[in-house]
Every structure is written in structure tokens, then in C-alpha cells.
Amino acid sequence: MPNPKRRFSKTRTASRRSTYKATAPTLSVDANTGEMHMRHRAYKVGDDLYYNGKLMVSGSDSAE
């Protein structure tokens, strides 16, 4: 297994690690409900569950 001849400097290590940053999630507004949600995720409006602008699970169905 190859090993480095010298240790990396703190500046080099910090500059490599600085490229990985947390980004804000992309949000969308649903055209049908007007609800703000994360893209490619299911989201709730009241008791109803929506995905891709379509009703997947109704709140009245899940109560039964």
C-alpha cells in the first residue's frame, strides 16, 4: 500500500474539505394545491398525502 512521503499541510486539507458544503433543498409549489414541498417527495395537505400533484392517500381512507 503506498504511503505519502510527507504529511499534508493544514491549508491543503482545509481547502479540500471546504468544497463540501450543505445546500438548501429545492422547493416547488404544487399547481393543484398551492402547497410548498420538497421535489420528488410525498407531502401532506391536511390529512391527504400527495405525490407528483396527485392524491395518493386520502385522509378519510386512512382513518378507517
C-alpha atoms as a PDB file:
ATOM      1  CA  MET A   1       0.000   0.000   0.000  1.00  0.00           C
ATOM      2  CA  PRO A   2       1.566   3.343  -0.986  1.00  0.00           C
ATOM      3  CA  ASN A   3       2.090   5.912   1.739  1.00  0.00           C
ATOM      4  CA  PRO A   4       2.724   9.650   1.370  1.00  0.00           C
ATOM      5  CA  LYS A   5       6.320  10.809   1.862  1.00  0.00           C
ATOM      6  CA  ARG A   6       5.205  13.896   3.786  1.00  0.00           C
ATOM      7  CA  ARG A   7       2.080  14.829   5.700  1.00  0.00           C
ATOM      8  CA  PHE A   8      -0.433  17.162   4.089  1.00  0.00           C
ATOM      9  CA  SER A   9      -0.438  20.732   5.367  1.00  0.00           C
ATOM     10  CA  LYS A  10      -3.442  22.063   7.292  1.00  0.00           C
ATOM     11  CA  THR A  11      -4.127  24.530   4.453  1.00  0.00           C
ATOM     12  CA  ARG A  12      -4.263  21.786   1.844  1.00  0.00           C
ATOM     13  CA  THR A  13      -6.560  19.652   3.996  1.00  0.00           C
ATOM     14  CA  ALA A  14      -8.858  22.598   4.770  1.00  0.00           C
ATOM     15  CA  SER A  15      -9.088  23.649   1.109  1.00  0.00           C
ATOM     16  CA  ARG A  16     -10.042  20.099   0.096  1.00  0.00           C
ATOM     17  CA  ARG A  17     -12.729  19.877   2.784  1.00  0.00           C
ATOM     18  CA  SER A  18     -14.154  23.323   2.032  1.00  0.00           C
ATOM     19  CA  THR A  19     -15.640  22.152  -1.281  1.00  0.00           C
ATOM     20  CA  TYR A  20     -18.249  20.005   0.503  1.00  0.00           C
ATOM     21  CA  LYS A  21     -21.000  22.361   1.576  1.00  0.00           C
ATOM     22  CA  ALA A  22     -24.568  21.755   2.612  1.00  0.00           C
ATOM     23  CA  THR A  23     -27.069  23.230   0.162  1.00  0.00           C
ATOM     24  CA  ALA A  24     -30.655  24.281   0.721  1.00  0.00           C
ATOM     25  CA  PRO A  25     -33.228  21.773  -0.567  1.00  0.00           C
ATOM     26  CA  THR A  26     -35.029  22.630  -3.792  1.00  0.00           C
ATOM     27  CA  LEU A  27     -38.639  23.558  -3.131  1.00  0.00           C
ATOM     28  CA  SER A  28     -41.578  23.574  -5.539  1.00  0.00           C
ATOM     29  CA  VAL A  29     -45.138  24.834  -5.441  1.00  0.00           C
ATOM     30  CA  ASP A  30     -47.848  22.364  -6.399  1.00  0.00           C
ATOM     31  CA  ALA A  31     -50.129  23.710  -9.128  1.00  0.00           C
ATOM     32  CA  ASN A  32     -53.234  21.934  -7.781  1.00  0.00           C
ATOM     33  CA  THR A  33     -52.985  22.649  -4.049  1.00  0.00           C
ATOM     34  CA  GLY A  34     -50.567  25.580  -3.965  1.00  0.00           C
ATOM     35  CA  GLU A  35     -48.595  23.780  -1.250  1.00  0.00           C
ATOM     36  CA  MET A  36     -44.811  24.285  -0.980  1.00  0.00           C
ATOM     37  CA  HIS A  37     -42.948  20.955  -0.858  1.00  0.00           C
ATOM     38  CA  MET A  38     -39.595  19.300  -1.477  1.00  0.00           C
ATOM     39  CA  ARG A  39     -39.186  17.965  -5.004  1.00  0.00           C
ATOM     40  CA  HIS A  40     -39.578  14.201  -5.576  1.00  0.00           C
ATOM     41  CA  ARG A  41     -41.074  13.706  -2.114  1.00  0.00           C
ATOM     42  CA  ALA A  42     -44.599  12.971  -0.926  1.00  0.00           C
ATOM     43  CA  TYR A  43     -46.200  15.771   1.062  1.00  0.00           C
ATOM     44  CA  LYS A  44     -49.270  16.181   3.254  1.00  0.00           C
ATOM     45  CA  VAL A  45     -52.049  18.725   2.847  1.00  0.00           C
ATOM     46  CA  GLY A  46     -54.283  18.348   5.872  1.00  0.00           C
ATOM     47  CA  ASP A  47     -54.791  14.587   6.197  1.00  0.00           C
ATOM     48  CA  ASP A  48     -54.280  13.861   2.481  1.00  0.00           C
ATOM     49  CA  LEU A  49     -50.991  12.595   1.046  1.00  0.00           C
ATOM     50  CA  TYR A  50     -49.945  13.911  -2.378  1.00  0.00           C
ATOM     51  CA  TYR A  51     -47.127  12.954  -4.730  1.00  0.00           C
ATOM     52  CA  ASN A  52     -46.408  14.429  -8.161  1.00  0.00           C
ATOM     53  CA  GLY A  53     -49.574  16.553  -7.932  1.00  0.00           C
ATOM     54  CA  LYS A  54     -51.812  13.508  -7.478  1.00  0.00           C
ATOM     55  CA  LEU A  55     -53.721  12.362  -4.419  1.00  0.00           C
ATOM     56  CA  MET A  56     -52.128   9.123  -3.218  1.00  0.00           C
ATOM     57  CA  VAL A  57     -53.867   8.541   0.144  1.00  0.00           C
ATOM     58  CA  SER A  58     -56.991  10.304   1.293  1.00  0.00           C
ATOM     59  CA  GLY A  59     -57.216  11.234   4.971  1.00  0.00           C
ATOM     60  CA  SER A  60     -60.707   9.803   5.265  1.00  0.00           C
ATOM     61  CA  ASP A  61     -59.472   6.412   3.916  1.00  0.00           C
ATOM     62  CA  SER A  62     -56.630   6.143   6.400  1.00  0.00           C
ATOM     63  CA  ALA A  63     -58.947   6.780   9.385  1.00  0.00           C
ATOM     64  CA  GLU A  64     -60.909   3.607   8.702  1.00  0.00           C
END
